[in-house]
Structure formats: structure tokens, C-alpha cells
Amino acid sequence: MRSEKSSRASGEAGTTLVEVLIATVIMATGILTMSQMFLTSTMTNRGARNDTFATVLAEQKIEQLRALAWGFDVQGLPVSDFTSDISVEPMTTDGGTGLQPSPASTLQTNTNGYVDHVSATGQIVGNGAVAPGIAAYTRRWSVEPLPTNPNNTLIIQVVVIPNRMQGQGAAATVGRLPGEARMITVKTRKAQ
């Protein structure tokens, strides 16, 4: 009888050790999977935040451009703002391009008067051909007269590119880049 009891006891001890090892492997696999999911979730949330911020920056520039004078005065004469500089903060009423038609390449290259560089907090930190080191985004815009009604209707486009993506959006065949925002609107003359 003793030999049966001692062999059963040693057999149960070995099974318990195997069970503990299997449970440890299952738990380690679960923890590893959860940590990978957490990392993926964090990266996705960061990307969504950057996409949203770029969209807000594009919308701000669209609203600045839409706020510039483009209408008719009380006598019915056209009123156009061709001098405001919206590439600086605060905006100035002279020294800029306002709603003047832009060169064809302003959405692909940094063109004076049609570009500003924005920090990660949303502040304009430059407006030249080269982005300052603290710039997180480059914001470009174009103003084009509508071909069928060039004297009264403008097409305004804005693109916001994260500076880590600079250079990739220059090719005309490149679609929307990760973190980039593009917006377009139409502005038509209205009575003031």
C-alpha cells in the first residue's frame, strides 16, 4: 500500500508542475498579445490626433482666406483684398498676397505669400521656403480664379503636411500622405 501512495503522490506532483508551466506559457502569451495591442492602439491614437490637428490647421487657413474681402461695395463695384498677409501672426493688412491668384506650384512647393510653417501648438513660426526647426507642419494654399467666372469666383485649396513627410508630397502622382490634410472651397463675390 505504501508504494501505491508514494507513486500516486509523486505522479500528482509532476502533473502539477506541468500544469503550472502550461499556465505560465498561456499567461505570457496573453500578456505579450495585450502589450502588442496596447502599442498598436497607442500608435493609432497618435496618428488620429495628428490627422485631426492637420485638419484643424487646414480649416483655420480656409477660414482666414474666406474672411478676406471679395465682394461688391454699395455702388456695385468689386472689392478685393490683394494685400493682406495671412502667412504671419497676427495677420497684417499689407505686404501679402491676399486673394491674388497663386502660381501653379504653390501646393507642391513652399512659395512666399502662399505658405506658413506651424508649430506643434498651432502657432505660425515661419513663412519662408525653408521650415524652421520648430515647425511641425507646413501649410500651403492656392487661390485660382474659376475658369468659367474668373472675375467673381475663386477656388481656394489648402494642404497641411507634417514636416516629417516633407519631400514626399512634391510628386504630382502622390496621393494623400499619412497625417496630411487637404481642403478645397469656392469663394464667390457677394454684396458687402
C-alpha atoms as a PDB file:
ATOM      1  CA  MET A   1       0.000   0.000   0.000  1.00  0.00           C
ATOM      2  CA  ARG A   2       2.738   2.366   0.737  1.00  0.00           C
ATOM      3  CA  SER A   3       4.200   2.040  -2.674  1.00  0.00           C
ATOM      4  CA  GLU A   4       0.857   2.922  -4.307  1.00  0.00           C
ATOM      5  CA  LYS A   5       0.522   6.048  -2.168  1.00  0.00           C
ATOM      6  CA  SER A   6       4.050   7.232  -2.781  1.00  0.00           C
ATOM      7  CA  SER A   7       3.855   6.657  -6.546  1.00  0.00           C
ATOM      8  CA  ARG A   8       0.492   8.461  -6.733  1.00  0.00           C
ATOM      9  CA  ALA A   9       1.900  11.389  -4.782  1.00  0.00           C
ATOM     10  CA  SER A  10       4.945  11.709  -6.987  1.00  0.00           C
ATOM     11  CA  GLY A  11       2.766  11.426 -10.118  1.00  0.00           C
ATOM     12  CA  GLU A  12       0.476  14.223  -8.907  1.00  0.00           C
ATOM     13  CA  ALA A  13       3.457  16.437  -8.130  1.00  0.00           C
ATOM     14  CA  GLY A  14       4.778  16.005 -11.695  1.00  0.00           C
ATOM     15  CA  THR A  15       1.374  16.780 -13.215  1.00  0.00           C
ATOM     16  CA  THR A  16       1.100  19.929 -11.102  1.00  0.00           C
ATOM     17  CA  LEU A  17       4.478  21.160 -12.330  1.00  0.00           C
ATOM     18  CA  VAL A  18       3.465  20.591 -15.991  1.00  0.00           C
ATOM     19  CA  GLU A  19       0.165  22.373 -15.375  1.00  0.00           C
ATOM     20  CA  VAL A  20       1.991  25.355 -13.852  1.00  0.00           C
ATOM     21  CA  LEU A  21       4.366  25.528 -16.826  1.00  0.00           C
ATOM     22  CA  ILE A  22       1.465  25.382 -19.321  1.00  0.00           C
ATOM     23  CA  ALA A  23      -0.427  28.071 -17.391  1.00  0.00           C
ATOM     24  CA  THR A  24       2.690  30.250 -17.341  1.00  0.00           C
ATOM     25  CA  VAL A  25       3.134  29.907 -21.116  1.00  0.00           C
ATOM     26  CA  ILE A  26      -0.539  30.755 -21.724  1.00  0.00           C
ATOM     27  CA  MET A  27      -0.342  33.758 -19.416  1.00  0.00           C
ATOM     28  CA  ALA A  28       2.905  35.005 -21.018  1.00  0.00           C
ATOM     29  CA  THR A  29       1.355  34.674 -24.478  1.00  0.00           C
ATOM     30  CA  GLY A  30      -1.691  36.637 -23.322  1.00  0.00           C
ATOM     31  CA  ILE A  31       0.428  39.396 -21.796  1.00  0.00           C
ATOM     32  CA  LEU A  32       2.555  39.647 -24.931  1.00  0.00           C
ATOM     33  CA  THR A  33      -0.540  39.844 -27.142  1.00  0.00           C
ATOM     34  CA  MET A  34      -2.095  42.515 -24.922  1.00  0.00           C
ATOM     35  CA  SER A  35       1.096  44.586 -24.939  1.00  0.00           C
ATOM     36  CA  GLN A  36       1.183  44.450 -28.749  1.00  0.00           C
ATOM     37  CA  MET A  37      -2.474  45.533 -28.861  1.00  0.00           C
ATOM     38  CA  PHE A  38      -1.696  48.391 -26.466  1.00  0.00           C
ATOM     39  CA  LEU A  39       1.217  49.539 -28.644  1.00  0.00           C
ATOM     40  CA  THR A  40      -0.913  49.367 -31.804  1.00  0.00           C
ATOM     41  CA  SER A  41      -3.712  51.268 -30.081  1.00  0.00           C
ATOM     42  CA  THR A  42      -1.308  53.981 -28.909  1.00  0.00           C
ATOM     43  CA  MET A  43       0.154  54.411 -32.392  1.00  0.00           C
ATOM     44  CA  THR A  44      -3.319  54.550 -33.962  1.00  0.00           C
ATOM     45  CA  ASN A  45      -4.459  57.171 -31.446  1.00  0.00           C
ATOM     46  CA  ARG A  46      -1.343  59.271 -32.090  1.00  0.00           C
ATOM     47  CA  GLY A  47      -1.958  59.089 -35.847  1.00  0.00           C
ATOM     48  CA  ALA A  48      -5.605  60.068 -35.399  1.00  0.00           C
ATOM     49  CA  ARG A  49      -4.581  63.028 -33.246  1.00  0.00           C
ATOM     50  CA  ASN A  50      -2.101  64.206 -35.878  1.00  0.00           C
ATOM     51  CA  ASP A  51      -4.693  63.793 -38.662  1.00  0.00           C
ATOM     52  CA  THR A  52      -7.226  65.795 -36.660  1.00  0.00           C
ATOM     53  CA  PHE A  53      -4.714  68.549 -35.872  1.00  0.00           C
ATOM     54  CA  ALA A  54      -3.707  68.844 -39.542  1.00  0.00           C
ATOM     55  CA  THR A  55      -7.392  69.095 -40.492  1.00  0.00           C
ATOM     56  CA  VAL A  56      -7.938  71.858 -37.923  1.00  0.00           C
ATOM     57  CA  LEU A  57      -4.929  73.769 -39.311  1.00  0.00           C
ATOM     58  CA  ALA A  58      -6.301  73.449 -42.862  1.00  0.00           C
ATOM     59  CA  GLU A  59      -9.736  74.629 -41.746  1.00  0.00           C
ATOM     60  CA  GLN A  60      -8.190  77.643 -39.968  1.00  0.00           C
ATOM     61  CA  LYS A  61      -6.399  78.729 -43.145  1.00  0.00           C
ATOM     62  CA  ILE A  62      -9.544  78.211 -45.263  1.00  0.00           C
ATOM     63  CA  GLU A  63     -11.472  80.431 -42.825  1.00  0.00           C
ATOM     64  CA  GLN A  64      -8.743  83.111 -42.926  1.00  0.00           C
ATOM     65  CA  LEU A  65      -8.879  83.155 -46.718  1.00  0.00           C
ATOM     66  CA  ARG A  66     -12.682  83.185 -46.781  1.00  0.00           C
ATOM     67  CA  ALA A  67     -12.698  86.145 -44.375  1.00  0.00           C
ATOM     68  CA  LEU A  68     -10.707  88.350 -46.798  1.00  0.00           C
ATOM     69  CA  ALA A  69     -12.721  90.894 -48.764  1.00  0.00           C
ATOM     70  CA  TRP A  70     -14.086  89.525 -52.034  1.00  0.00           C
ATOM     71  CA  GLY A  71     -17.380  91.129 -52.904  1.00  0.00           C
ATOM     72  CA  PHE A  72     -19.070  94.297 -54.106  1.00  0.00           C
ATOM     73  CA  ASP A  73     -19.282  97.670 -52.402  1.00  0.00           C
ATOM     74  CA  VAL A  74     -22.548  99.627 -52.018  1.00  0.00           C
ATOM     75  CA  GLN A  75     -22.129 101.090 -55.518  1.00  0.00           C
ATOM     76  CA  GLY A  76     -21.740  97.631 -57.058  1.00  0.00           C
ATOM     77  CA  LEU A  77     -18.000  97.890 -57.694  1.00  0.00           C
ATOM     78  CA  PRO A  78     -15.809  94.850 -56.976  1.00  0.00           C
ATOM     79  CA  VAL A  79     -13.861  94.866 -53.718  1.00  0.00           C
ATOM     80  CA  SER A  80     -10.855  92.529 -53.492  1.00  0.00           C
ATOM     81  CA  ASP A  81      -8.216  92.046 -50.813  1.00  0.00           C
ATOM     82  CA  PHE A  82      -4.929  91.551 -52.650  1.00  0.00           C
ATOM     83  CA  THR A  83      -2.607  92.836 -49.897  1.00  0.00           C
ATOM     84  CA  SER A  84      -3.316  91.071 -46.586  1.00  0.00           C
ATOM     85  CA  ASP A  85      -0.546  88.852 -45.318  1.00  0.00           C
ATOM     86  CA  ILE A  86      -2.077  85.770 -43.700  1.00  0.00           C
ATOM     87  CA  SER A  87       1.262  83.953 -43.562  1.00  0.00           C
ATOM     88  CA  VAL A  88       2.226  85.826 -40.372  1.00  0.00           C
ATOM     89  CA  GLU A  89       0.693  86.012 -36.926  1.00  0.00           C
ATOM     90  CA  PRO A  90      -1.031  88.319 -36.306  1.00  0.00           C
ATOM     91  CA  MET A  91      -2.222  88.881 -39.853  1.00  0.00           C
ATOM     92  CA  THR A  92      -1.284  92.223 -41.425  1.00  0.00           C
ATOM     93  CA  THR A  93      -3.354  94.207 -43.907  1.00  0.00           C
ATOM     94  CA  ASP A  94      -0.457  94.915 -46.246  1.00  0.00           C
ATOM     95  CA  GLY A  95       2.670  93.268 -47.624  1.00  0.00           C
ATOM     96  CA  GLY A  96       0.979  89.994 -48.511  1.00  0.00           C
ATOM     97  CA  THR A  97      -0.754  88.328 -51.406  1.00  0.00           C
ATOM     98  CA  GLY A  98      -4.311  88.236 -50.042  1.00  0.00           C
ATOM     99  CA  LEU A  99      -6.565  86.652 -52.646  1.00  0.00           C
ATOM    100  CA  GLN A 100      -4.241  87.224 -55.602  1.00  0.00           C
ATOM    101  CA  PRO A 101      -4.107  84.234 -57.957  1.00  0.00           C
ATOM    102  CA  SER A 102      -1.256  81.970 -56.918  1.00  0.00           C
ATOM    103  CA  PRO A 103       1.443  80.380 -59.068  1.00  0.00           C
ATOM    104  CA  ALA A 104       0.584  76.888 -60.298  1.00  0.00           C
ATOM    105  CA  SER A 105       3.007  75.074 -57.977  1.00  0.00           C
ATOM    106  CA  THR A 106       2.029  76.565 -54.606  1.00  0.00           C
ATOM    107  CA  LEU A 107       0.558  73.297 -53.306  1.00  0.00           C
ATOM    108  CA  GLN A 108       3.731  71.353 -54.190  1.00  0.00           C
ATOM    109  CA  THR A 109       6.454  73.827 -53.183  1.00  0.00           C
ATOM    110  CA  ASN A 110       6.878  76.452 -50.480  1.00  0.00           C
ATOM    111  CA  THR A 111       6.036  79.713 -52.287  1.00  0.00           C
ATOM    112  CA  ASN A 112       6.373  83.051 -50.472  1.00  0.00           C
ATOM    113  CA  GLY A 113       2.958  84.507 -49.731  1.00  0.00           C
ATOM    114  CA  TYR A 114       1.277  81.095 -50.009  1.00  0.00           C
ATOM    115  CA  VAL A 115       2.984  79.126 -47.211  1.00  0.00           C
ATOM    116  CA  ASP A 116       3.392  79.202 -43.474  1.00  0.00           C
ATOM    117  CA  HIS A 117       5.068  76.850 -41.035  1.00  0.00           C
ATOM    118  CA  VAL A 118       3.236  75.910 -37.855  1.00  0.00           C
ATOM    119  CA  SER A 119       4.495  74.570 -34.523  1.00  0.00           C
ATOM    120  CA  ALA A 120       3.019  71.559 -32.729  1.00  0.00           C
ATOM    121  CA  THR A 121       0.968  74.015 -30.648  1.00  0.00           C
ATOM    122  CA  GLY A 122      -0.585  75.684 -33.706  1.00  0.00           C
ATOM    123  CA  GLN A 123       1.490  78.879 -33.791  1.00  0.00           C
ATOM    124  CA  ILE A 124       2.893  80.238 -37.056  1.00  0.00           C
ATOM    125  CA  VAL A 125       6.683  80.084 -36.672  1.00  0.00           C
ATOM    126  CA  GLY A 126       7.802  80.996 -40.199  1.00  0.00           C
ATOM    127  CA  ASN A 127       6.670  81.653 -43.752  1.00  0.00           C
ATOM    128  CA  GLY A 128       9.664  81.136 -46.000  1.00  0.00           C
ATOM    129  CA  ALA A 129      10.832  78.482 -48.407  1.00  0.00           C
ATOM    130  CA  VAL A 130      12.546  76.537 -45.595  1.00  0.00           C
ATOM    131  CA  ALA A 131      10.706  75.441 -42.465  1.00  0.00           C
ATOM    132  CA  PRO A 132      12.316  76.437 -39.154  1.00  0.00           C
ATOM    133  CA  GLY A 133      13.417  73.583 -36.911  1.00  0.00           C
ATOM    134  CA  ILE A 134      10.497  74.021 -34.506  1.00  0.00           C
ATOM    135  CA  ALA A 135       7.880  73.758 -37.268  1.00  0.00           C
ATOM    136  CA  ALA A 136       5.788  70.604 -37.040  1.00  0.00           C
ATOM    137  CA  TYR A 137       3.603  71.301 -40.097  1.00  0.00           C
ATOM    138  CA  THR A 138       3.880  73.174 -43.380  1.00  0.00           C
ATOM    139  CA  ARG A 139       0.659  74.733 -44.617  1.00  0.00           C
ATOM    140  CA  ARG A 140       0.368  75.710 -48.301  1.00  0.00           C
ATOM    141  CA  TRP A 141      -2.555  77.266 -50.151  1.00  0.00           C
ATOM    142  CA  SER A 142      -3.540  78.228 -53.646  1.00  0.00           C
ATOM    143  CA  VAL A 143      -6.016  80.759 -54.994  1.00  0.00           C
ATOM    144  CA  GLU A 144      -7.269  80.215 -58.546  1.00  0.00           C
ATOM    145  CA  PRO A 145      -9.981  82.054 -60.459  1.00  0.00           C
ATOM    146  CA  LEU A 146     -12.758  79.735 -61.618  1.00  0.00           C
ATOM    147  CA  PRO A 147     -12.209  79.377 -65.384  1.00  0.00           C
ATOM    148  CA  THR A 148     -15.900  79.888 -66.198  1.00  0.00           C
ATOM    149  CA  ASN A 149     -16.272  83.002 -63.983  1.00  0.00           C
ATOM    150  CA  PRO A 150     -12.750  84.326 -63.232  1.00  0.00           C
ATOM    151  CA  ASN A 151     -13.800  87.828 -62.111  1.00  0.00           C
ATOM    152  CA  ASN A 152     -16.247  86.682 -59.444  1.00  0.00           C
ATOM    153  CA  THR A 153     -15.365  83.177 -58.225  1.00  0.00           C
ATOM    154  CA  LEU A 154     -12.201  81.767 -56.665  1.00  0.00           C
ATOM    155  CA  ILE A 155     -11.165  78.193 -55.927  1.00  0.00           C
ATOM    156  CA  ILE A 156      -9.180  78.052 -52.683  1.00  0.00           C
ATOM    157  CA  GLN A 157      -7.188  74.956 -51.747  1.00  0.00           C
ATOM    158  CA  VAL A 158      -5.163  74.268 -48.596  1.00  0.00           C
ATOM    159  CA  VAL A 159      -2.796  71.402 -47.877  1.00  0.00           C
ATOM    160  CA  VAL A 160      -1.194  70.747 -44.478  1.00  0.00           C
ATOM    161  CA  ILE A 161       1.787  68.401 -44.451  1.00  0.00           C
ATOM    162  CA  PRO A 162       3.585  67.114 -41.355  1.00  0.00           C
ATOM    163  CA  ASN A 163       7.228  68.163 -41.654  1.00  0.00           C
ATOM    164  CA  ARG A 164       8.363  64.564 -41.211  1.00  0.00           C
ATOM    165  CA  MET A 165       6.719  63.939 -44.625  1.00  0.00           C
ATOM    166  CA  GLN A 166       8.307  66.888 -46.458  1.00  0.00           C
ATOM    167  CA  GLY A 167       9.588  65.982 -49.879  1.00  0.00           C
ATOM    168  CA  GLN A 168       7.220  63.065 -50.355  1.00  0.00           C
ATOM    169  CA  GLY A 169       4.278  65.213 -51.480  1.00  0.00           C
ATOM    170  CA  ALA A 170       6.134  67.052 -54.220  1.00  0.00           C
ATOM    171  CA  ALA A 171       5.402  64.441 -56.885  1.00  0.00           C
ATOM    172  CA  ALA A 172       2.082  65.048 -58.611  1.00  0.00           C
ATOM    173  CA  THR A 173       1.269  61.334 -58.542  1.00  0.00           C
ATOM    174  CA  VAL A 174       1.434  61.055 -54.758  1.00  0.00           C
ATOM    175  CA  GLY A 175      -1.966  60.751 -53.075  1.00  0.00           C
ATOM    176  CA  ARG A 176      -2.782  61.899 -49.579  1.00  0.00           C
ATOM    177  CA  LEU A 177       0.111  61.218 -47.205  1.00  0.00           C
ATOM    178  CA  PRO A 178      -0.341  59.933 -43.642  1.00  0.00           C
ATOM    179  CA  GLY A 179      -1.107  62.877 -41.383  1.00  0.00           C
ATOM    180  CA  GLU A 180      -1.794  65.229 -44.296  1.00  0.00           C
ATOM    181  CA  ALA A 181      -4.978  67.275 -44.674  1.00  0.00           C
ATOM    182  CA  ARG A 182      -6.359  68.747 -47.888  1.00  0.00           C
ATOM    183  CA  MET A 183      -9.325  71.090 -48.193  1.00  0.00           C
ATOM    184  CA  ILE A 184     -10.962  72.973 -51.015  1.00  0.00           C
ATOM    185  CA  THR A 185     -13.639  75.665 -51.093  1.00  0.00           C
ATOM    186  CA  VAL A 186     -15.156  78.161 -53.507  1.00  0.00           C
ATOM    187  CA  LYS A 187     -15.485  81.879 -52.746  1.00  0.00           C
ATOM    188  CA  THR A 188     -17.927  83.974 -54.773  1.00  0.00           C
ATOM    189  CA  ARG A 189     -18.343  87.740 -54.728  1.00  0.00           C
ATOM    190  CA  LYS A 190     -21.279  88.950 -52.641  1.00  0.00           C
ATOM    191  CA  ALA A 191     -22.632  92.388 -51.881  1.00  0.00           C
ATOM    192  CA  GLN A 192     -20.974  93.900 -48.788  1.00  0.00           C
END
